[in-house]
Amino acid sequence: MAQVTVFSDARRRREWSDEERLEILREAFAPGAVVSRVARRYDVSRGLIYIWRREALRRVQSAFVPAVIEDAAPSEPPCGSVAEPEAAIVLELADGRRLRISASAPPALAAAALRAVR
């Protein structure tokens, strides 16, 4: 049976809250999900779901902070201590911790470490 939505006020479009959009996006792009099925379930256009995803990705990309490269003179390690390998990547996390990935780390290990802090 077909379903019809009737708008009786001056607005001609449905308005979706950010929470509703996020729920639809999570469901539509979950592993194994089919976007057209999710669109039918929520009675929304497939194209609109892709527009919402593009907007969400744009917001996330603009939330990243630029990398800061500092020229620091290498310091001599104290006598008797083992020197750490020089880090190629140092991530300073919001809680004050640091993730250091050395230049000699295997690419798979570096990728796994970056995925873990995501």
PDB file of N, CA and C in Angstrom:
ATOM      1  N   MET A   1       0.842  -1.175   0.000  1.00  0.00           N
ATOM      2  CA  MET A   1       0.000   0.000   0.000  1.00  0.00           C
ATOM      3  C   MET A   1       0.887   1.237   0.000  1.00  0.00           C
ATOM      4  N   ALA A   2       0.553   2.200  -0.816  1.00  0.00           N
ATOM      5  CA  ALA A   2       1.327   3.437  -0.936  1.00  0.00           C
ATOM      6  C   ALA A   2       1.032   4.357   0.236  1.00  0.00           C
ATOM      7  N   GLN A   3       2.037   5.105   0.617  1.00  0.00           N
ATOM      8  CA  GLN A   3       1.894   6.051   1.715  1.00  0.00           C
ATOM      9  C   GLN A   3       2.042   7.451   1.164  1.00  0.00           C
ATOM     10  N   VAL A   4       1.178   8.362   1.598  1.00  0.00           N
ATOM     11  CA  VAL A   4       1.202   9.740   1.130  1.00  0.00           C
ATOM     12  C   VAL A   4       1.396  10.647   2.329  1.00  0.00           C
ATOM     13  N   THR A   5       2.311  11.600   2.194  1.00  0.00           N
ATOM     14  CA  THR A   5       2.542  12.584   3.244  1.00  0.00           C
ATOM     15  C   THR A   5       1.929  13.900   2.805  1.00  0.00           C
ATOM     16  N   VAL A   6       1.033  14.462   3.620  1.00  0.00           N
ATOM     17  CA  VAL A   6       0.354  15.711   3.286  1.00  0.00           C
ATOM     18  C   VAL A   6       0.894  16.800   4.211  1.00  0.00           C
ATOM     19  N   PHE A   7       1.362  17.885   3.604  1.00  0.00           N
ATOM     20  CA  PHE A   7       1.840  19.029   4.368  1.00  0.00           C
ATOM     21  C   PHE A   7       0.726  20.061   4.390  1.00  0.00           C
ATOM     22  N   SER A   8       0.284  20.418   5.588  1.00  0.00           N
ATOM     23  CA  SER A   8      -0.863  21.316   5.686  1.00  0.00           C
ATOM     24  C   SER A   8      -0.485  22.748   6.051  1.00  0.00           C
ATOM     25  N   ASP A   9       0.738  22.987   6.433  1.00  0.00           N
ATOM     26  CA  ASP A   9       1.115  24.353   6.791  1.00  0.00           C
ATOM     27  C   ASP A   9       1.890  25.001   5.649  1.00  0.00           C
ATOM     28  N   ALA A  10       2.467  26.146   5.906  1.00  0.00           N
ATOM     29  CA  ALA A  10       3.144  26.914   4.860  1.00  0.00           C
ATOM     30  C   ALA A  10       4.422  26.236   4.378  1.00  0.00           C
ATOM     31  N   ARG A  11       5.029  25.409   5.242  1.00  0.00           N
ATOM     32  CA  ARG A  11       6.253  24.728   4.839  1.00  0.00           C
ATOM     33  C   ARG A  11       5.939  23.621   3.850  1.00  0.00           C
ATOM     34  N   ARG A  12       6.743  23.481   2.836  1.00  0.00           N
ATOM     35  CA  ARG A  12       6.534  22.469   1.806  1.00  0.00           C
ATOM     36  C   ARG A  12       7.485  21.288   1.954  1.00  0.00           C
ATOM     37  N   ARG A  13       8.432  21.406   2.858  1.00  0.00           N
ATOM     38  CA  ARG A  13       9.427  20.353   3.009  1.00  0.00           C
ATOM     39  C   ARG A  13       9.458  19.843   4.438  1.00  0.00           C
ATOM     40  N   ARG A  14       9.828  18.605   4.556  1.00  0.00           N
ATOM     41  CA  ARG A  14      10.053  18.038   5.873  1.00  0.00           C
ATOM     42  C   ARG A  14      11.389  18.525   6.398  1.00  0.00           C
ATOM     43  N   GLU A  15      11.489  18.699   7.663  1.00  0.00           N
ATOM     44  CA  GLU A  15      12.748  19.113   8.262  1.00  0.00           C
ATOM     45  C   GLU A  15      13.281  17.981   9.115  1.00  0.00           C
ATOM     46  N   TRP A  16      14.529  17.650   8.908  1.00  0.00           N
ATOM     47  CA  TRP A  16      15.173  16.568   9.640  1.00  0.00           C
ATOM     48  C   TRP A  16      16.143  17.183  10.643  1.00  0.00           C
ATOM     49  N   SER A  17      16.090  16.716  11.877  1.00  0.00           N
ATOM     50  CA  SER A  17      17.046  17.203  12.876  1.00  0.00           C
ATOM     51  C   SER A  17      18.409  16.586  12.588  1.00  0.00           C
ATOM     52  N   ASP A  18      19.453  17.162  13.171  1.00  0.00           N
ATOM     53  CA  ASP A  18      20.798  16.620  12.987  1.00  0.00           C
ATOM     54  C   ASP A  18      20.883  15.185  13.504  1.00  0.00           C
ATOM     55  N   GLU A  19      20.191  14.900  14.608  1.00  0.00           N
ATOM     56  CA  GLU A  19      20.201  13.554  15.174  1.00  0.00           C
ATOM     57  C   GLU A  19      19.545  12.554  14.223  1.00  0.00           C
ATOM     58  N   GLU A  20      18.432  12.959  13.605  1.00  0.00           N
ATOM     59  CA  GLU A  20      17.755  12.074  12.646  1.00  0.00           C
ATOM     60  C   GLU A  20      18.636  11.831  11.421  1.00  0.00           C
ATOM     61  N   ARG A  21      19.262  12.875  10.935  1.00  0.00           N
ATOM     62  CA  ARG A  21      20.148  12.726   9.780  1.00  0.00           C
ATOM     63  C   ARG A  21      21.294  11.781  10.095  1.00  0.00           C
ATOM     64  N   LEU A  22      21.901  11.965  11.273  1.00  0.00           N
ATOM     65  CA  LEU A  22      23.021  11.124  11.666  1.00  0.00           C
ATOM     66  C   LEU A  22      22.592   9.666  11.790  1.00  0.00           C
ATOM     67  N   GLU A  23      21.427   9.439  12.349  1.00  0.00           N
ATOM     68  CA  GLU A  23      20.906   8.070  12.479  1.00  0.00           C
ATOM     69  C   GLU A  23      20.718   7.437  11.097  1.00  0.00           C
ATOM     70  N   ILE A  24      20.146   8.191  10.178  1.00  0.00           N
ATOM     71  CA  ILE A  24      19.919   7.685   8.818  1.00  0.00           C
ATOM     72  C   ILE A  24      21.257   7.415   8.132  1.00  0.00           C
ATOM     73  N   LEU A  25      22.214   8.325   8.280  1.00  0.00           N
ATOM     74  CA  LEU A  25      23.525   8.129   7.666  1.00  0.00           C
ATOM     75  C   LEU A  25      24.237   6.908   8.229  1.00  0.00           C
ATOM     76  N   ARG A  26      24.188   6.731   9.543  1.00  0.00           N
ATOM     77  CA  ARG A  26      24.837   5.562  10.150  1.00  0.00           C
ATOM     78  C   ARG A  26      24.231   4.273   9.615  1.00  0.00           C
ATOM     79  N   GLU A  27      22.917   4.263   9.525  1.00  0.00           N
ATOM     80  CA  GLU A  27      22.243   3.064   9.048  1.00  0.00           C
ATOM     81  C   GLU A  27      22.509   2.837   7.563  1.00  0.00           C
ATOM     82  N   ALA A  28      22.482   3.890   6.764  1.00  0.00           N
ATOM     83  CA  ALA A  28      22.647   3.759   5.315  1.00  0.00           C
ATOM     84  C   ALA A  28      24.052   3.309   4.926  1.00  0.00           C
ATOM     85  N   PHE A  29      25.067   3.720   5.686  1.00  0.00           N
ATOM     86  CA  PHE A  29      26.439   3.410   5.315  1.00  0.00           C
ATOM     87  C   PHE A  29      27.097   2.409   6.253  1.00  0.00           C
ATOM     88  N   ALA A  30      26.278   1.668   6.993  1.00  0.00           N
ATOM     89  CA  ALA A  30      26.794   0.575   7.807  1.00  0.00           C
ATOM     90  C   ALA A  30      27.217  -0.562   6.873  1.00  0.00           C
ATOM     91  N   PRO A  31      28.161  -1.393   7.299  1.00  0.00           N
ATOM     92  CA  PRO A  31      28.585  -2.507   6.444  1.00  0.00           C
ATOM     93  C   PRO A  31      27.388  -3.392   6.070  1.00  0.00           C
ATOM     94  N   GLY A  32      27.253  -3.649   4.787  1.00  0.00           N
ATOM     95  CA  GLY A  32      26.181  -4.512   4.297  1.00  0.00           C
ATOM     96  C   GLY A  32      24.853  -3.821   4.063  1.00  0.00           C
ATOM     97  N   ALA A  33      24.762  -2.536   4.381  1.00  0.00           N
ATOM     98  CA  ALA A  33      23.507  -1.800   4.221  1.00  0.00           C
ATOM     99  C   ALA A  33      23.306  -1.416   2.758  1.00  0.00           C
ATOM    100  N   VAL A  34      22.048  -1.256   2.378  1.00  0.00           N
ATOM    101  CA  VAL A  34      21.696  -0.812   1.033  1.00  0.00           C
ATOM    102  C   VAL A  34      21.003   0.536   1.177  1.00  0.00           C
ATOM    103  N   VAL A  35      21.592   1.562   0.584  1.00  0.00           N
ATOM    104  CA  VAL A  35      21.114   2.933   0.756  1.00  0.00           C
ATOM    105  C   VAL A  35      19.658   3.070   0.312  1.00  0.00           C
ATOM    106  N   SER A  36      19.295   2.456  -0.782  1.00  0.00           N
ATOM    107  CA  SER A  36      17.916   2.606  -1.276  1.00  0.00           C
ATOM    108  C   SER A  36      16.905   2.011  -0.304  1.00  0.00           C
ATOM    109  N   ARG A  37      17.260   0.923   0.366  1.00  0.00           N
ATOM    110  CA  ARG A  37      16.340   0.334   1.363  1.00  0.00           C
ATOM    111  C   ARG A  37      16.168   1.263   2.561  1.00  0.00           C
ATOM    112  N   VAL A  38      17.263   1.830   3.018  1.00  0.00           N
ATOM    113  CA  VAL A  38      17.204   2.764   4.150  1.00  0.00           C
ATOM    114  C   VAL A  38      16.385   3.989   3.749  1.00  0.00           C
ATOM    115  N   ALA A  39      16.588   4.477   2.536  1.00  0.00           N
ATOM    116  CA  ALA A  39      15.847   5.643   2.050  1.00  0.00           C
ATOM    117  C   ALA A  39      14.346   5.356   2.036  1.00  0.00           C
ATOM    118  N   ARG A  40      13.982   4.187   1.567  1.00  0.00           N
ATOM    119  CA  ARG A  40      12.545   3.831   1.562  1.00  0.00           C
ATOM    120  C   ARG A  40      11.996   3.734   2.969  1.00  0.00           C
ATOM    121  N   ARG A  41      12.761   3.139   3.877  1.00  0.00           N
ATOM    122  CA  ARG A  41      12.290   2.971   5.256  1.00  0.00           C
ATOM    123  C   ARG A  41      12.009   4.320   5.918  1.00  0.00           C
ATOM    124  N   TYR A  42      12.855   5.305   5.637  1.00  0.00           N
ATOM    125  CA  TYR A  42      12.679   6.626   6.254  1.00  0.00           C
ATOM    126  C   TYR A  42      11.931   7.605   5.347  1.00  0.00           C
ATOM    127  N   ASP A  43      11.523   7.144   4.169  1.00  0.00           N
ATOM    128  CA  ASP A  43      10.787   7.964   3.212  1.00  0.00           C
ATOM    129  C   ASP A  43      11.564   9.234   2.870  1.00  0.00           C
ATOM    130  N   VAL A  44      12.806   9.006   2.437  1.00  0.00           N
ATOM    131  CA  VAL A  44      13.691  10.103   2.051  1.00  0.00           C
ATOM    132  C   VAL A  44      14.379   9.716   0.743  1.00  0.00           C
ATOM    133  N   SER A  45      14.727  10.669  -0.052  1.00  0.00           N
ATOM    134  CA  SER A  45      15.391  10.429  -1.332  1.00  0.00           C
ATOM    135  C   SER A  45      16.803   9.895  -1.125  1.00  0.00           C
ATOM    136  N   ARG A  46      17.215   8.956  -1.999  1.00  0.00           N
ATOM    137  CA  ARG A  46      18.596   8.459  -1.929  1.00  0.00           C
ATOM    138  C   ARG A  46      19.576   9.600  -2.155  1.00  0.00           C
ATOM    139  N   GLY A  47      19.258  10.478  -3.089  1.00  0.00           N
ATOM    140  CA  GLY A  47      20.133  11.607  -3.380  1.00  0.00           C
ATOM    141  C   GLY A  47      20.327  12.509  -2.176  1.00  0.00           C
ATOM    142  N   LEU A  48      19.276  12.691  -1.394  1.00  0.00           N
ATOM    143  CA  LEU A  48      19.372  13.530  -0.203  1.00  0.00           C
ATOM    144  C   LEU A  48      20.304  12.889   0.829  1.00  0.00           C
ATOM    145  N   ILE A  49      20.270  11.566   0.930  1.00  0.00           N
ATOM    146  CA  ILE A  49      21.176  10.874   1.854  1.00  0.00           C
ATOM    147  C   ILE A  49      22.628  11.128   1.444  1.00  0.00           C
ATOM    148  N   TYR A  50      22.899  11.064   0.143  1.00  0.00           N
ATOM    149  CA  TYR A  50      24.271  11.320  -0.317  1.00  0.00           C
ATOM    150  C   TYR A  50      24.664  12.786  -0.109  1.00  0.00           C
ATOM    151  N   ILE A  51      23.720  13.694  -0.251  1.00  0.00           N
ATOM    152  CA  ILE A  51      24.005  15.112   0.023  1.00  0.00           C
ATOM    153  C   ILE A  51      24.352  15.291   1.498  1.00  0.00           C
ATOM    154  N   TRP A  52      23.574  14.663   2.378  1.00  0.00           N
ATOM    155  CA  TRP A  52      23.846  14.749   3.812  1.00  0.00           C
ATOM    156  C   TRP A  52      25.226  14.189   4.129  1.00  0.00           C
ATOM    157  N   ARG A  53      25.588  13.066   3.471  1.00  0.00           N
ATOM    158  CA  ARG A  53      26.894  12.471   3.728  1.00  0.00           C
ATOM    159  C   ARG A  53      28.006  13.417   3.284  1.00  0.00           C
ATOM    160  N   ARG A  54      27.852  14.023   2.107  1.00  0.00           N
ATOM    161  CA  ARG A  54      28.860  14.967   1.606  1.00  0.00           C
ATOM    162  C   ARG A  54      29.025  16.143   2.569  1.00  0.00           C
ATOM    163  N   GLU A  55      27.904  16.670   3.080  1.00  0.00           N
ATOM    164  CA  GLU A  55      27.970  17.785   4.036  1.00  0.00           C
ATOM    165  C   GLU A  55      28.658  17.361   5.327  1.00  0.00           C
ATOM    166  N   ALA A  56      28.337  16.166   5.811  1.00  0.00           N
ATOM    167  CA  ALA A  56      28.949  15.672   7.046  1.00  0.00           C
ATOM    168  C   ALA A  56      30.451  15.483   6.867  1.00  0.00           C
ATOM    169  N   LEU A  57      30.867  14.935   5.732  1.00  0.00           N
ATOM    170  CA  LEU A  57      32.295  14.756   5.473  1.00  0.00           C
ATOM    171  C   LEU A  57      33.009  16.101   5.368  1.00  0.00           C
ATOM    172  N   ARG A  58      32.362  17.078   4.787  1.00  0.00           N
ATOM    173  CA  ARG A  58      32.952  18.413   4.673  1.00  0.00           C
ATOM    174  C   ARG A  58      33.153  19.017   6.065  1.00  0.00           C
ATOM    175  N   ARG A  59      32.173  18.829   6.950  1.00  0.00           N
ATOM    176  CA  ARG A  59      32.308  19.351   8.321  1.00  0.00           C
ATOM    177  C   ARG A  59      33.449  18.674   9.059  1.00  0.00           C
ATOM    178  N   VAL A  60      33.551  17.353   8.904  1.00  0.00           N
ATOM    179  CA  VAL A  60      34.600  16.605   9.596  1.00  0.00           C
ATOM    180  C   VAL A  60      35.971  17.027   9.094  1.00  0.00           C
ATOM    181  N   GLN A  61      36.117  17.196   7.796  1.00  0.00           N
ATOM    182  CA  GLN A  61      37.405  17.583   7.242  1.00  0.00           C
ATOM    183  C   GLN A  61      37.807  18.980   7.697  1.00  0.00           C
ATOM    184  N   SER A  62      36.860  19.870   7.875  1.00  0.00           N
ATOM    185  CA  SER A  62      37.202  21.212   8.325  1.00  0.00           C
ATOM    186  C   SER A  62      37.499  21.248   9.817  1.00  0.00           C
ATOM    187  N   ALA A  63      37.197  20.153  10.540  1.00  0.00           N
ATOM    188  CA  ALA A  63      37.442  20.109  11.975  1.00  0.00           C
ATOM    189  C   ALA A  63      38.881  19.732  12.303  1.00  0.00           C
ATOM    190  N   PHE A  64      39.632  19.206  11.327  1.00  0.00           N
ATOM    191  CA  PHE A  64      41.016  18.843  11.581  1.00  0.00           C
ATOM    192  C   PHE A  64      41.857  20.093  11.764  1.00  0.00           C
ATOM    193  N   VAL A  65      42.829  19.999  12.630  1.00  0.00           N
ATOM    194  CA  VAL A  65      43.725  21.123  12.861  1.00  0.00           C
ATOM    195  C   VAL A  65      44.972  20.951  12.009  1.00  0.00           C
ATOM    196  N   PRO A  66      45.599  22.039  11.619  1.00  0.00           N
ATOM    197  CA  PRO A  66      46.802  21.914  10.792  1.00  0.00           C
ATOM    198  C   PRO A  66      47.967  21.347  11.593  1.00  0.00           C
ATOM    199  N   ALA A  67      48.845  20.662  10.911  1.00  0.00           N
ATOM    200  CA  ALA A  67      50.041  20.125  11.552  1.00  0.00           C
ATOM    201  C   ALA A  67      51.026  21.250  11.806  1.00  0.00           C
ATOM    202  N   VAL A  68      51.728  21.152  12.897  1.00  0.00           N
ATOM    203  CA  VAL A  68      52.743  22.145  13.243  1.00  0.00           C
ATOM    204  C   VAL A  68      54.091  21.448  13.219  1.00  0.00           C
ATOM    205  N   ILE A  69      54.992  21.954  12.408  1.00  0.00           N
ATOM    206  CA  ILE A  69      56.332  21.371  12.301  1.00  0.00           C
ATOM    207  C   ILE A  69      57.297  22.309  12.999  1.00  0.00           C
ATOM    208  N   GLU A  70      57.999  21.774  13.956  1.00  0.00           N
ATOM    209  CA  GLU A  70      58.951  22.577  14.710  1.00  0.00           C
ATOM    210  C   GLU A  70      60.357  22.097  14.403  1.00  0.00           C
ATOM    211  N   ASP A  71      61.243  23.036  14.218  1.00  0.00           N
ATOM    212  CA  ASP A  71      62.653  22.699  14.055  1.00  0.00           C
ATOM    213  C   ASP A  71      63.279  22.702  15.436  1.00  0.00           C
ATOM    214  N   ALA A  72      63.472  21.514  15.970  1.00  0.00           N
ATOM    215  CA  ALA A  72      64.082  21.402  17.288  1.00  0.00           C
ATOM    216  C   ALA A  72      65.439  20.738  17.129  1.00  0.00           C
ATOM    217  N   ALA A  73      66.415  21.312  17.790  1.00  0.00           N
ATOM    218  CA  ALA A  73      67.752  20.728  17.732  1.00  0.00           C
ATOM    219  C   ALA A  73      67.732  19.400  18.487  1.00  0.00           C
ATOM    220  N   PRO A  74      68.281  18.344  17.887  1.00  0.00           N
ATOM    221  CA  PRO A  74      68.289  17.063  18.587  1.00  0.00           C
ATOM    222  C   PRO A  74      69.135  17.168  19.848  1.00  0.00           C
ATOM    223  N   SER A  75      68.576  16.708  20.939  1.00  0.00           N
ATOM    224  CA  SER A  75      69.301  16.788  22.204  1.00  0.00           C
ATOM    225  C   SER A  75      70.059  15.483  22.418  1.00  0.00           C
ATOM    226  N   GLU A  76      71.170  15.595  23.100  1.00  0.00           N
ATOM    227  CA  GLU A  76      71.979  14.422  23.407  1.00  0.00           C
ATOM    228  C   GLU A  76      71.318  13.653  24.538  1.00  0.00           C
ATOM    229  N   PRO A  77      71.165  12.316  24.404  1.00  0.00           N
ATOM    230  CA  PRO A  77      70.594  11.548  25.498  1.00  0.00           C
ATOM    231  C   PRO A  77      71.574  11.496  26.661  1.00  0.00           C
ATOM    232  N   PRO A  78      71.068  11.460  27.891  1.00  0.00           N
ATOM    233  CA  PRO A  78      71.966  11.382  29.042  1.00  0.00           C
ATOM    234  C   PRO A  78      72.802  10.100  28.975  1.00  0.00           C
ATOM    235  N   CYS A  79      73.947  10.128  29.608  1.00  0.00           N
ATOM    236  CA  CYS A  79      74.838   8.968  29.608  1.00  0.00           C
ATOM    237  C   CYS A  79      74.142   7.757  30.205  1.00  0.00           C
ATOM    238  N   GLY A  80      74.334   6.615  29.580  1.00  0.00           N
ATOM    239  CA  GLY A  80      73.788   5.370  30.115  1.00  0.00           C
ATOM    240  C   GLY A  80      72.344   5.109  29.733  1.00  0.00           C
ATOM    241  N   SER A  81      71.654   6.050  29.116  1.00  0.00           N
ATOM    242  CA  SER A  81      70.269   5.794  28.740  1.00  0.00           C
ATOM    243  C   SER A  81      70.203   5.396  27.275  1.00  0.00           C
ATOM    244  N   VAL A  82      69.188   4.627  26.949  1.00  0.00           N
ATOM    245  CA  VAL A  82      69.004   4.179  25.578  1.00  0.00           C
ATOM    246  C   VAL A  82      68.208   5.246  24.844  1.00  0.00           C
ATOM    247  N   ALA A  83      68.711   5.666  23.697  1.00  0.00           N
ATOM    248  CA  ALA A  83      68.039   6.706  22.919  1.00  0.00           C
ATOM    249  C   ALA A  83      66.835   6.106  22.195  1.00  0.00           C
ATOM    250  N   GLU A  84      65.725   6.829  22.224  1.00  0.00           N
ATOM    251  CA  GLU A  84      64.539   6.402  21.479  1.00  0.00           C
ATOM    252  C   GLU A  84      64.779   6.683  20.009  1.00  0.00           C
ATOM    253  N   PRO A  85      64.208   5.840  19.128  1.00  0.00           N
ATOM    254  CA  PRO A  85      64.347   6.162  17.702  1.00  0.00           C
ATOM    255  C   PRO A  85      63.621   7.472  17.405  1.00  0.00           C
ATOM    256  N   GLU A  86      64.147   8.229  16.478  1.00  0.00           N
ATOM    257  CA  GLU A  86      63.546   9.509  16.137  1.00  0.00           C
ATOM    258  C   GLU A  86      62.150   9.290  15.578  1.00  0.00           C
ATOM    259  N   ALA A  87      61.194  10.059  16.055  1.00  0.00           N
ATOM    260  CA  ALA A  87      59.808   9.896  15.621  1.00  0.00           C
ATOM    261  C   ALA A  87      59.576  10.639  14.318  1.00  0.00           C
ATOM    262  N   ALA A  88      58.934   9.951  13.378  1.00  0.00           N
ATOM    263  CA  ALA A  88      58.556  10.589  12.119  1.00  0.00           C
ATOM    264  C   ALA A  88      57.228  11.304  12.284  1.00  0.00           C
ATOM    265  N   ILE A  89      56.378  10.757  13.150  1.00  0.00           N
ATOM    266  CA  ILE A  89      55.058  11.341  13.408  1.00  0.00           C
ATOM    267  C   ILE A  89      54.878  11.438  14.908  1.00  0.00           C
ATOM    268  N   VAL A  90      54.465  12.594  15.398  1.00  0.00           N
ATOM    269  CA  VAL A  90      54.124  12.778  16.808  1.00  0.00           C
ATOM    270  C   VAL A  90      52.738  13.402  16.850  1.00  0.00           C
ATOM    271  N   LEU A  91      51.790  12.685  17.424  1.00  0.00           N
ATOM    272  CA  LEU A  91      50.431  13.210  17.575  1.00  0.00           C
ATOM    273  C   LEU A  91      50.225  13.602  19.018  1.00  0.00           C
ATOM    274  N   GLU A  92      49.834  14.835  19.243  1.00  0.00           N
ATOM    275  CA  GLU A  92      49.490  15.273  20.585  1.00  0.00           C
ATOM    276  C   GLU A  92      47.984  15.167  20.724  1.00  0.00           C
ATOM    277  N   LEU A  93      47.534  14.278  21.592  1.00  0.00           N
ATOM    278  CA  LEU A  93      46.113  14.028  21.767  1.00  0.00           C
ATOM    279  C   LEU A  93      45.503  15.055  22.709  1.00  0.00           C
ATOM    280  N   ALA A  94      44.189  15.171  22.660  1.00  0.00           N
ATOM    281  CA  ALA A  94      43.479  16.183  23.440  1.00  0.00           C
ATOM    282  C   ALA A  94      43.706  16.024  24.935  1.00  0.00           C
ATOM    283  N   ASP A  95      43.900  14.789  25.401  1.00  0.00           N
ATOM    284  CA  ASP A  95      44.067  14.572  26.840  1.00  0.00           C
ATOM    285  C   ASP A  95      45.510  14.746  27.308  1.00  0.00           C
ATOM    286  N   GLY A  96      46.397  15.248  26.430  1.00  0.00           N
ATOM    287  CA  GLY A  96      47.766  15.526  26.819  1.00  0.00           C
ATOM    288  C   GLY A  96      48.746  14.407  26.498  1.00  0.00           C
ATOM    289  N   ARG A  97      48.262  13.233  26.137  1.00  0.00           N
ATOM    290  CA  ARG A  97      49.159  12.133  25.784  1.00  0.00           C
ATOM    291  C   ARG A  97      49.719  12.350  24.390  1.00  0.00           C
ATOM    292  N   ARG A  98      50.813  11.651  24.087  1.00  0.00           N
ATOM    293  CA  ARG A  98      51.456  11.746  22.779  1.00  0.00           C
ATOM    294  C   ARG A  98      51.606  10.360  22.183  1.00  0.00           C
ATOM    295  N   LEU A  99      51.376  10.282  20.887  1.00  0.00           N
ATOM    296  CA  LEU A  99      51.619   9.052  20.140  1.00  0.00           C
ATOM    297  C   LEU A  99      52.802   9.338  19.233  1.00  0.00           C
ATOM    298  N   ARG A 100      53.875   8.563  19.401  1.00  0.00           N
ATOM    299  CA  ARG A 100      55.079   8.746  18.602  1.00  0.00           C
ATOM    300  C   ARG A 100      55.247   7.532  17.703  1.00  0.00           C
ATOM    301  N   ILE A 101      55.379   7.756  16.412  1.00  0.00           N
ATOM    302  CA  ILE A 101      55.593   6.677  15.454  1.00  0.00           C
ATOM    303  C   ILE A 101      56.945   6.925  14.804  1.00  0.00           C
ATOM    304  N   SER A 102      57.836   5.965  14.974  1.00  0.00           N
ATOM    305  CA  SER A 102      59.181   6.155  14.441  1.00  0.00           C
ATOM    306  C   SER A 102      59.201   5.927  12.941  1.00  0.00           C
ATOM    307  N   ALA A 103      60.225   6.478  12.309  1.00  0.00           N
ATOM    308  CA  ALA A 103      60.370   6.355  10.863  1.00  0.00           C
ATOM    309  C   ALA A 103      60.622   4.911  10.451  1.00  0.00           C
ATOM    310  N   SER A 104      61.140   4.107  11.369  1.00  0.00           N
ATOM    311  CA  SER A 104      61.443   2.716  11.037  1.00  0.00           C
ATOM    312  C   SER A 104      60.259   1.780  11.302  1.00  0.00           C
ATOM    313  N   ALA A 105      59.139   2.317  11.771  1.00  0.00           N
ATOM    314  CA  ALA A 105      57.966   1.476  12.048  1.00  0.00           C
ATOM    315  C   ALA A 105      57.386   0.953  10.735  1.00  0.00           C
ATOM    316  N   PRO A 106      56.966  -0.325  10.727  1.00  0.00           N
ATOM    317  CA  PRO A 106      56.337  -0.862   9.515  1.00  0.00           C
ATOM    318  C   PRO A 106      55.050  -0.086   9.194  1.00  0.00           C
ATOM    319  N   PRO A 107      54.752   0.126   7.925  1.00  0.00           N
ATOM    320  CA  PRO A 107      53.548   0.889   7.554  1.00  0.00           C
ATOM    321  C   PRO A 107      52.264   0.315   8.145  1.00  0.00           C
ATOM    322  N   ALA A 108      52.151  -1.001   8.224  1.00  0.00           N
ATOM    323  CA  ALA A 108      50.940  -1.618   8.780  1.00  0.00           C
ATOM    324  C   ALA A 108      50.770  -1.252  10.253  1.00  0.00           C
ATOM    325  N   LEU A 109      51.887  -1.218  10.994  1.00  0.00           N
ATOM    326  CA  LEU A 109      51.838  -0.856  12.409  1.00  0.00           C
ATOM    327  C   LEU A 109      51.452   0.606  12.581  1.00  0.00           C
ATOM    328  N   ALA A 110      52.021   1.485  11.751  1.00  0.00           N
ATOM    329  CA  ALA A 110      51.688   2.908  11.820  1.00  0.00           C
ATOM    330  C   ALA A 110      50.212   3.126  11.497  1.00  0.00           C
ATOM    331  N   ALA A 111      49.712   2.445  10.476  1.00  0.00           N
ATOM    332  CA  ALA A 111      48.299   2.580  10.104  1.00  0.00           C
ATOM    333  C   ALA A 111      47.397   2.077  11.224  1.00  0.00           C
ATOM    334  N   ALA A 112      47.765   0.970  11.859  1.00  0.00           N
ATOM    335  CA  ALA A 112      46.959   0.430  12.958  1.00  0.00           C
ATOM    336  C   ALA A 112      46.938   1.388  14.142  1.00  0.00           C
ATOM    337  N   ALA A 113      48.078   2.008  14.430  1.00  0.00           N
ATOM    338  CA  ALA A 113      48.152   2.969  15.543  1.00  0.00           C
ATOM    339  C   ALA A 113      47.280   4.181  15.268  1.00  0.00           C
ATOM    340  N   LEU A 114      47.299   4.674  14.020  1.00  0.00           N
ATOM    341  CA  LEU A 114      46.478   5.844  13.674  1.00  0.00           C
ATOM    342  C   LEU A 114      45.000   5.503  13.711  1.00  0.00           C
ATOM    343  N   ARG A 115      44.637   4.288  13.285  1.00  0.00           N
ATOM    344  CA  ARG A 115      43.231   3.875  13.363  1.00  0.00           C
ATOM    345  C   ARG A 115      42.784   3.759  14.812  1.00  0.00           C
ATOM    346  N   ALA A 116      43.675   3.334  15.685  1.00  0.00           N
ATOM    347  CA  ALA A 116      43.323   3.150  17.094  1.00  0.00           C
ATOM    348  C   ALA A 116      43.000   4.459  17.797  1.00  0.00           C
ATOM    349  N   VAL A 117      43.633   5.565  17.390  1.00  0.00           N
ATOM    350  CA  VAL A 117      43.359   6.843  18.037  1.00  0.00           C
ATOM    351  C   VAL A 117      42.226   7.588  17.393  1.00  0.00           C
ATOM    352  N   ARG A 118      41.663   7.067  16.363  1.00  0.00           N
ATOM    353  CA  ARG A 118      40.566   7.697  15.625  1.00  0.00           C
ATOM    354  C   ARG A 118      39.383   7.962  16.481  1.00  0.00           C
TER     355      ARG A 118
END
